[in-house]
C-alpha cells in the first residue's frame, strides 16, 4: 500500500511504530515510507518502565505529528488473525496469551497500554506477527495430537516473524523484477529469534516456529525444537522443576548454552572460533546444520525454489553464518555466497547461480506502518 497523505494537511501520514522484542525495543516515526526519527535499545523492556521509555521518545514530538500508532504483537493466537484497531476488550484478551510468548507479550502489552494513555486521540493498530501465517495449509498447521486436545486448547502451528517475512517477500519481488504471486521462496529470519518460512505467491505455506516462539531453530538463548520425550523425562524423574526447565529453554539454551555460556551473539562466537574456542565452534556448527536442515525441509512445500532469502540481524550481517548454511544446501542448487555483507538489499550469490541467495535488511517498522495504514484506509471505506 502507498503512504497515504493526511486528509487535512496533504502531508504523508506519520505513524509511530512500537516494536518490543524479547531483548530489544525499537520506536520509529515513519512518514512517507521513510523513518524520520528512531530510538533503539538492545535490552528487554521491563513492563514497569514502558511508560517512561515511550514518554522519552515522544518528548520531541507533538500529538499532531502522529496520525496513528502501530504495535507489533508477537502472538495473536485465535484472537487476531489480521491487524486490527486496539480496544480495551482486545487488549485484555491478549493478556491471556502471555504464557504462549512470555518474553515478548508482557513488554508489548505494557507499551500498548502506555501509548494509549499518552496518545489517546489517535488510533492504535495491533499488528500480530502470526497474521502472515494465518492461512497455513492444514497439513502444515496441524499437530499430530488427539483431536480433543487440539480443539479444546487451540493447539496448532501459528508461526512468527510474519512482519519480517511480509516485508522481505515484497522486497525480493522488487529486486528480482517479478510479481510476488509468481515467486516460490524460502526465507530465513535469523536474529535473537530464528525461523524459516516457505512462501508461495506471497502466502506462507510452512514455517519452523509453531504454537509458541520457542519452537524450531536454535536461537540466541532459546533452545528451539528438542525431543519432547527428553523434557517429560527430566520432569518425571525430578531432575528439573517446571520453573527450571522453562528458564533453561527460554533463557539459557540456544547459542548461549551451546557455547558454554560464552555468548548468544554470533559475532562473538565467530571471533571466539577464530581464537580456537571449541565450544564456540560447536555452537556455530550446530546452528548452521539446523538452519540448513530447516531450509531443506521447507523447500519440500514449494514447487521449486526461486530464491533463498536471509534476513534478521544474523541473516543480514553475518556472512560467515550464511556461507556455512549455504555450503550444506548443494542438493537444492544453492551455491556458497561470493561476497560478504553489502550496503543494500540484493544478491550475495554468484551472478549465474541457479538459486539466487539474497539478503534483505529487516524493516519491520516500515511493514508495521504499511499494515497500520491499510487498516485505517479500510475503516474509512
Protein backbone atom coordinates (compact mmCIF):
# COMPACT_ATOMS: atom_id res chain seq x y z
CA UNK A 1 0.00 0.00 0.00
CA UNK A 2 1.15 3.57 -0.63
CA UNK A 3 1.90 6.08 2.09
CA UNK A 4 -1.43 7.90 2.25
CA UNK A 5 -1.42 11.67 2.87
CA UNK A 6 -3.29 13.25 5.74
CA UNK A 7 -6.73 14.38 4.54
CA UNK A 8 -6.41 17.86 6.13
CA UNK A 9 -2.77 18.79 5.55
CA UNK A 10 -1.96 16.78 2.44
CA UNK A 11 1.27 15.66 4.14
CA UNK A 12 2.13 11.94 4.30
CA UNK A 13 0.76 10.32 7.44
CA UNK A 14 3.20 9.99 10.34
CA UNK A 15 2.97 6.60 12.04
CA UNK A 16 4.65 5.75 15.34
CA UNK A 17 5.74 2.11 15.33
CA UNK A 18 6.35 0.26 18.58
CA UNK A 19 8.34 -2.96 18.39
CA UNK A 20 9.24 -4.75 21.62
CA UNK A 21 11.37 -7.86 21.07
CA UNK A 22 12.47 -10.44 23.60
CA UNK A 23 15.65 -8.43 24.24
CA UNK A 24 15.12 -5.10 22.49
CA UNK A 25 12.88 -2.09 21.95
CA UNK A 26 12.52 -0.15 18.71
CA UNK A 27 10.49 3.02 18.38
CA UNK A 28 10.24 4.67 14.97
CA UNK A 29 8.38 7.60 13.49
CA UNK A 30 7.62 6.69 9.87
CA UNK A 31 6.43 9.24 7.34
CA UNK A 32 6.17 8.89 3.58
CA UNK A 33 7.84 5.48 3.66
CA UNK A 34 10.89 6.88 5.49
CA UNK A 35 12.00 6.70 9.10
CA UNK A 36 12.32 10.29 10.33
CA UNK A 37 13.21 9.55 13.95
CA UNK A 38 14.19 6.41 15.89
CA UNK A 39 15.10 5.11 19.30
CA UNK A 40 16.80 1.74 19.80
CA UNK A 41 17.54 -0.22 22.93
CA UNK A 42 19.19 -3.65 22.87
CA UNK A 43 17.74 -4.81 26.15
CA UNK A 44 14.45 -6.22 27.34
CA UNK A 45 11.86 -3.63 28.36
CA UNK A 46 10.57 -4.06 31.88
CA UNK A 47 6.78 -3.55 31.91
CA UNK A 48 7.17 -1.00 34.73
CA UNK A 49 9.42 1.20 32.59
CA UNK A 50 7.31 1.13 29.41
CA UNK A 51 5.60 4.45 30.08
CA UNK A 52 8.91 6.21 30.74
CA UNK A 53 10.54 4.71 27.61
CA UNK A 54 7.68 5.90 25.43
CA UNK A 55 7.41 9.34 27.01
CA UNK A 56 11.13 9.91 26.49
CA UNK A 57 10.80 9.28 22.75
CA UNK A 58 7.60 11.28 22.37
CA UNK A 59 9.14 14.26 24.15
CA UNK A 60 10.40 15.59 20.82
CA UNK A 61 7.08 15.22 19.06
CA UNK A 62 3.64 16.74 19.41
CA UNK A 63 0.44 14.69 19.23
CA UNK A 64 -0.43 16.27 15.90
CA UNK A 65 2.73 14.74 14.38
CA UNK A 66 1.38 11.23 14.89
CA UNK A 67 -1.67 10.05 12.97
CA UNK A 68 -1.66 6.52 14.40
CA UNK A 69 0.42 4.06 16.39
CA UNK A 70 1.27 0.59 15.06
CA UNK A 71 2.18 -2.05 17.65
CA UNK A 72 3.98 -5.27 16.88
CA UNK A 73 2.46 -8.07 18.94
CA UNK A 74 4.25 -11.38 18.56
CA UNK A 75 1.30 -13.70 19.27
CA UNK A 76 -2.25 -13.00 18.16
CA UNK A 77 -3.46 -16.55 18.79
CA UNK A 78 -7.00 -17.19 17.58
CA UNK A 79 -7.98 -13.69 18.72
CA UNK A 80 -6.27 -11.75 15.94
CA UNK A 81 -5.61 -13.32 12.56
CA UNK A 82 -5.01 -9.92 10.94
CA UNK A 83 -4.10 -6.37 12.04
CA UNK A 84 -6.86 -4.56 13.92
CA UNK A 85 -7.54 -1.37 15.86
CA UNK A 86 -6.93 -1.91 19.57
CA UNK A 87 -9.74 -1.57 22.09
CA UNK A 88 -10.00 -2.44 25.79
CA UNK A 89 -11.53 -5.84 25.11
CA UNK A 90 -8.81 -6.87 22.66
CA UNK A 91 -6.01 -5.67 24.95
CA UNK A 92 -7.48 -7.61 27.88
CA UNK A 93 -7.89 -10.75 25.77
CA UNK A 94 -4.26 -10.59 24.60
CA UNK A 95 -3.11 -10.77 28.21
CA UNK A 96 -4.44 -14.30 28.26
CA UNK A 97 -1.84 -15.23 25.63
CA UNK A 98 1.14 -14.15 27.75
CA UNK A 99 2.04 -17.76 28.70
CA UNK A 100 2.48 -18.53 24.99
CA UNK A 101 5.07 -15.77 24.47
CA UNK A 102 6.33 -14.86 27.96
CA UNK A 103 9.42 -12.99 26.71
CA UNK A 104 7.56 -10.85 24.17
CA UNK A 105 3.98 -10.14 25.18
CA UNK A 106 4.44 -8.52 28.63
CA UNK A 107 6.58 -5.60 27.33
CA UNK A 108 4.44 -5.25 24.18
CA UNK A 109 1.21 -5.04 26.18
CA UNK A 110 2.76 -2.62 28.68
CA UNK A 111 3.81 -0.38 25.79
CA UNK A 112 0.35 -0.65 24.24
CA UNK A 113 -1.22 0.49 27.49
CA UNK A 114 1.27 3.34 27.91
CA UNK A 115 0.86 4.50 24.30
CA UNK A 116 -2.93 4.53 24.54
CA UNK A 117 -2.65 6.69 27.67
CA UNK A 118 -0.12 9.12 26.21
CA UNK A 119 -1.68 9.31 22.73
CA UNK A 120 -5.40 8.83 23.43
CA UNK A 121 -6.63 10.83 20.42
CA UNK A 122 -5.16 8.58 17.70
CA UNK A 123 -5.96 5.00 16.68
CA UNK A 124 -3.69 2.22 17.88
CA UNK A 125 -3.37 -0.71 15.50
CA UNK A 126 -2.20 -4.12 16.68
CA UNK A 127 -0.15 -5.96 14.05
CA UNK A 128 0.34 -9.62 15.05
CA UNK A 129 3.42 -11.43 13.81
CA UNK A 130 1.24 -14.51 13.46
CA UNK A 131 -1.08 -12.89 10.87
CA UNK A 132 1.20 -13.68 7.92
CA UNK A 133 0.81 -17.39 8.70
CA UNK A 134 -2.92 -17.36 9.45
CA UNK A 135 -3.67 -19.18 6.19
CA UNK A 136 -1.21 -22.03 6.65
CA UNK A 137 -2.45 -25.21 4.97
CA UNK A 138 -3.92 -27.77 7.36
CA UNK A 139 -1.07 -30.17 6.64
CA UNK A 140 1.43 -27.60 7.94
CA UNK A 141 -0.66 -26.11 10.75
CA UNK A 142 -1.97 -29.30 12.37
CA UNK A 143 -0.08 -31.10 15.12
CA UNK A 144 -0.33 -34.93 15.29
CA UNK A 145 -2.10 -34.80 18.66
CA UNK A 146 -5.50 -36.04 19.83
CA UNK A 147 -8.34 -34.04 18.29
CA UNK A 148 -9.82 -33.25 21.71
CA UNK A 149 -6.55 -31.59 22.79
CA UNK A 150 -6.29 -29.60 19.59
CA UNK A 151 -9.87 -28.37 19.73
CA UNK A 152 -10.05 -27.71 23.47
CA UNK A 153 -6.74 -25.86 23.76
CA UNK A 154 -6.33 -24.38 20.28
CA UNK A 155 -3.16 -26.37 19.61
CA UNK A 156 -1.84 -25.54 16.14
CA UNK A 157 1.17 -24.08 14.41
CA UNK A 158 0.86 -20.29 14.43
CA UNK A 159 4.24 -19.22 13.10
CA UNK A 160 6.02 -15.96 13.85
CA UNK A 161 8.27 -13.27 12.31
CA UNK A 162 5.39 -12.51 9.96
CA UNK A 163 6.13 -8.79 9.65
CA UNK A 164 9.69 -9.56 8.64
CA UNK A 165 8.59 -12.16 6.10
CA UNK A 166 5.92 -9.92 4.60
CA UNK A 167 8.44 -7.12 4.05
CA UNK A 168 11.17 -9.40 2.72
CA UNK A 169 8.81 -11.15 0.31
CA UNK A 170 7.74 -7.89 -1.30
CA UNK A 171 11.30 -6.61 -1.34
CA UNK A 172 12.62 -9.71 -3.11
CA UNK A 173 9.92 -9.36 -5.76
CA UNK A 174 11.19 -5.82 -6.39
CA UNK A 175 14.81 -6.95 -6.53
CA UNK A 176 14.09 -9.81 -8.93
CA UNK A 177 11.70 -7.74 -11.04
CA UNK A 178 8.99 -10.39 -10.79
CA UNK A 179 5.42 -10.34 -9.46
CA UNK A 180 5.06 -11.68 -5.92
CA UNK A 181 2.38 -14.14 -6.99
CA UNK A 182 4.87 -15.89 -9.30
CA UNK A 183 7.59 -16.46 -6.72
CA UNK A 184 8.46 -19.58 -4.71
CA UNK A 185 10.78 -18.52 -1.87
CA UNK A 186 12.48 -19.91 1.19
CA UNK A 187 13.22 -17.20 3.74
CA UNK A 188 15.33 -17.47 6.87
CA UNK A 189 14.89 -14.86 9.61
CA UNK A 190 17.99 -15.23 11.78
CA UNK A 191 18.44 -12.97 14.78
CA UNK A 192 17.75 -13.13 18.50
CA UNK A 193 14.82 -15.29 17.42
CA UNK A 194 15.18 -17.53 14.39
CA UNK A 195 12.81 -19.20 11.96
CA UNK A 196 12.44 -20.37 8.37
CA UNK A 197 9.41 -19.92 6.11
CA UNK A 198 8.30 -21.29 2.74
CA UNK A 199 6.36 -18.68 0.74
CA UNK A 200 4.46 -19.32 -2.48
CA UNK A 201 2.76 -16.45 -4.27
CA UNK A 202 3.13 -14.27 -1.19
CA UNK A 203 1.46 -16.87 1.01
CA UNK A 204 3.08 -18.74 3.89
CA UNK A 205 2.95 -22.50 3.26
CA UNK A 206 5.14 -23.70 6.12
CA UNK A 207 7.25 -22.26 8.90
CA UNK A 208 9.51 -23.63 11.61
CA UNK A 209 8.09 -21.86 14.67
CA UNK A 210 4.90 -23.36 15.99
CA UNK A 211 2.47 -22.90 18.87
CA UNK A 212 5.00 -20.66 20.62
CA UNK A 213 8.19 -18.79 19.57
CA UNK A 214 10.22 -21.47 21.36
CA UNK A 215 9.83 -23.98 18.52
CA UNK A 216 12.07 -24.62 15.54
CA UNK A 217 15.64 -23.41 15.12
CA UNK A 218 18.12 -22.87 17.95
CA UNK A 219 18.24 -19.15 18.73
CA UNK A 220 20.36 -16.74 20.71
CA UNK A 221 19.16 -18.02 24.08
CA UNK A 222 16.15 -20.20 23.22
CA UNK A 223 16.55 -23.90 22.52
CA UNK A 224 14.28 -24.35 19.54
CA UNK A 225 12.94 -27.87 18.93
CA UNK A 226 14.19 -30.62 21.22
CA UNK A 227 12.90 -34.12 21.90
CA UNK A 228 9.66 -33.77 23.92
CA UNK A 229 10.35 -37.19 25.46
CA UNK A 230 13.58 -35.81 26.90
CA UNK A 231 11.67 -32.95 28.52
CA UNK A 232 8.98 -35.16 30.03
CA UNK A 233 11.76 -37.46 31.32
CA UNK A 234 13.55 -34.55 33.00
CA UNK A 235 10.29 -33.54 34.72
CA UNK A 236 9.05 -37.03 35.59
CA UNK A 237 12.36 -38.11 37.08
CA UNK A 238 12.60 -34.95 39.17
CA UNK A 239 15.85 -33.82 37.53
CA UNK A 240 14.40 -30.36 36.85
CA UNK A 241 11.42 -28.42 38.14
CA UNK A 242 8.98 -26.86 35.68
CA UNK A 243 10.41 -23.44 36.53
CA UNK A 244 13.99 -24.62 35.94
CA UNK A 245 13.05 -26.25 32.66
CA UNK A 246 11.19 -23.19 31.41
CA UNK A 247 14.01 -20.83 32.34
CA UNK A 248 16.61 -23.09 30.77
CA UNK A 249 14.74 -23.48 27.48
CA UNK A 250 13.84 -19.79 27.20
CA UNK A 251 16.96 -18.06 28.51
CA UNK A 252 19.98 -20.36 28.85
CA UNK A 253 19.92 -22.55 25.74
CA UNK A 254 20.50 -21.90 22.04
CA UNK A 255 23.83 -20.39 21.06
CA UNK A 256 24.43 -19.29 24.64
CA UNK A 257 24.02 -22.80 26.00
CA UNK A 258 25.96 -24.44 23.18
CA UNK A 259 28.90 -22.08 23.74
CA UNK A 260 29.03 -22.94 27.46
CA UNK A 261 27.68 -19.52 28.38
CA UNK A 262 30.18 -17.51 26.34
CA UNK A 263 27.63 -15.63 24.22
CA UNK A 264 24.38 -15.84 22.31
CA UNK A 265 25.74 -13.39 19.72
CA UNK A 266 27.19 -14.90 16.54
CA UNK A 267 29.64 -12.00 16.21
CA UNK A 268 31.25 -13.02 19.49
CA UNK A 269 31.18 -16.69 18.55
CA UNK A 270 32.79 -16.17 15.13
CA UNK A 271 35.61 -14.23 16.80
CA UNK A 272 35.96 -16.87 19.52
CA UNK A 273 36.08 -19.67 16.96
CA UNK A 274 38.97 -17.91 15.21
CA UNK A 275 40.77 -17.87 18.54
CA UNK A 276 40.36 -21.64 18.88
CA UNK A 277 37.34 -21.79 21.20
CA UNK A 278 35.92 -25.30 20.71
CA UNK A 279 32.54 -24.58 22.32
CA UNK A 280 32.01 -21.52 20.11
CA UNK A 281 32.89 -23.59 17.04
CA UNK A 282 30.40 -26.28 18.08
CA UNK A 283 27.67 -23.69 18.59
CA UNK A 284 28.16 -22.32 15.09
CA UNK A 285 28.24 -25.79 13.52
CA UNK A 286 25.05 -26.86 15.27
CA UNK A 287 23.35 -23.62 14.27
CA UNK A 288 24.35 -23.87 10.59
CA UNK A 289 23.34 -27.54 10.48
CA UNK A 290 19.89 -26.86 11.96
CA UNK A 291 19.23 -23.82 9.76
CA UNK A 292 20.22 -25.71 6.61
CA UNK A 293 18.10 -28.70 7.60
CA UNK A 294 15.06 -26.49 8.17
CA UNK A 295 15.58 -24.68 4.86
CA UNK A 296 15.72 -28.03 3.05
CA UNK A 297 12.57 -29.21 4.82
CA UNK A 298 10.70 -26.01 3.98
CA UNK A 299 11.64 -26.36 0.32
CA UNK A 300 9.52 -29.51 0.12
CA UNK A 301 6.40 -27.31 0.43
CA UNK A 302 7.27 -25.49 -2.81
CA UNK A 303 7.12 -26.42 -6.48
CA UNK A 304 10.65 -25.03 -6.89
CA UNK A 305 12.97 -22.56 -5.14
CA UNK A 306 13.26 -19.25 -6.99
CA UNK A 307 15.45 -17.72 -4.29
CA UNK A 308 16.83 -18.27 -0.81
CA UNK A 309 16.50 -15.13 1.30
CA UNK A 310 18.35 -14.26 4.51
CA UNK A 311 17.01 -11.58 6.81
CA UNK A 312 17.19 -10.77 10.53
CA UNK A 313 20.27 -9.34 12.21
CA UNK A 314 22.33 -12.50 11.69
CA UNK A 315 21.00 -13.20 8.22
CA UNK A 316 21.72 -9.64 7.09
CA UNK A 317 25.02 -9.04 8.87
CA UNK A 318 26.87 -12.35 9.44
CA UNK A 319 28.43 -13.62 6.20
CA UNK A 320 30.22 -16.49 7.97
CA UNK A 321 26.89 -17.97 9.05
CA UNK A 322 25.31 -17.51 5.62
CA UNK A 323 28.23 -19.27 3.97
CA UNK A 324 28.16 -22.17 6.45
CA UNK A 325 24.44 -22.65 5.85
CA UNK A 326 24.66 -22.42 2.06
CA UNK A 327 27.54 -24.92 1.88
CA UNK A 328 25.12 -27.53 3.23
CA UNK A 329 22.46 -26.87 0.57
CA UNK A 330 24.11 -28.06 -2.64
CA UNK A 331 21.30 -30.57 -3.24
CA UNK A 332 18.90 -27.63 -3.63
CA UNK A 333 21.14 -25.98 -6.20
CA UNK A 334 22.38 -23.39 -3.68
CA UNK A 335 26.00 -22.29 -4.03
CA UNK A 336 28.02 -20.53 -1.33
CA UNK A 337 27.87 -16.72 -1.46
CA UNK A 338 30.73 -14.99 -3.25
CA UNK A 339 30.64 -11.76 -1.27
CA UNK A 340 30.34 -10.69 2.33
CA UNK A 341 27.99 -8.02 3.59
CA UNK A 342 26.62 -5.44 1.21
CA UNK A 343 25.32 -1.92 2.00
CA UNK A 344 21.91 -2.58 0.48
CA UNK A 345 19.45 -5.39 -0.18
CA UNK A 346 20.35 -7.72 -3.00
CA UNK A 347 22.09 -10.92 -4.12
CA UNK A 348 25.23 -12.30 -2.49
CA UNK A 349 25.41 -15.41 -4.70
CA UNK A 350 27.29 -15.84 -7.99
CA UNK A 351 25.62 -14.00 -10.89
CA UNK A 352 24.83 -17.28 -12.66
CA UNK A 353 23.55 -19.15 -9.60
CA UNK A 354 20.62 -21.48 -10.30
CA UNK A 355 19.10 -20.43 -6.97
CA UNK A 356 19.90 -16.81 -6.13
CA UNK A 357 20.79 -16.10 -2.50
CA UNK A 358 19.67 -12.64 -1.38
CA UNK A 359 19.95 -10.60 1.78
CA UNK A 360 17.20 -8.23 2.88
CA UNK A 361 17.54 -5.88 5.81
CA UNK A 362 14.87 -6.21 8.48
CA UNK A 363 12.42 -3.32 8.14
CA UNK A 364 9.62 -4.30 10.48
CA UNK A 365 8.97 -0.64 11.22
CA UNK A 366 8.06 0.04 7.59
CA UNK A 367 5.87 -3.06 7.41
CA UNK A 368 4.14 -2.01 10.64
CA UNK A 369 3.39 1.42 9.20
CA UNK A 370 2.18 -0.12 5.93
CA UNK A 371 -0.21 -2.51 7.69
CA UNK A 372 -1.44 0.22 10.02
CA UNK A 373 -2.32 2.50 7.10
CA UNK A 374 -4.09 -0.38 5.35
CA UNK A 375 -6.30 -0.92 8.42
CA UNK A 376 -7.12 2.77 8.66
CA UNK A 377 -7.90 3.01 4.94
CA UNK A 378 -10.24 0.00 5.18
CA UNK A 379 -12.10 1.61 8.08
CA UNK A 380 -12.65 4.80 6.07
CA UNK A 381 -14.09 2.79 3.18
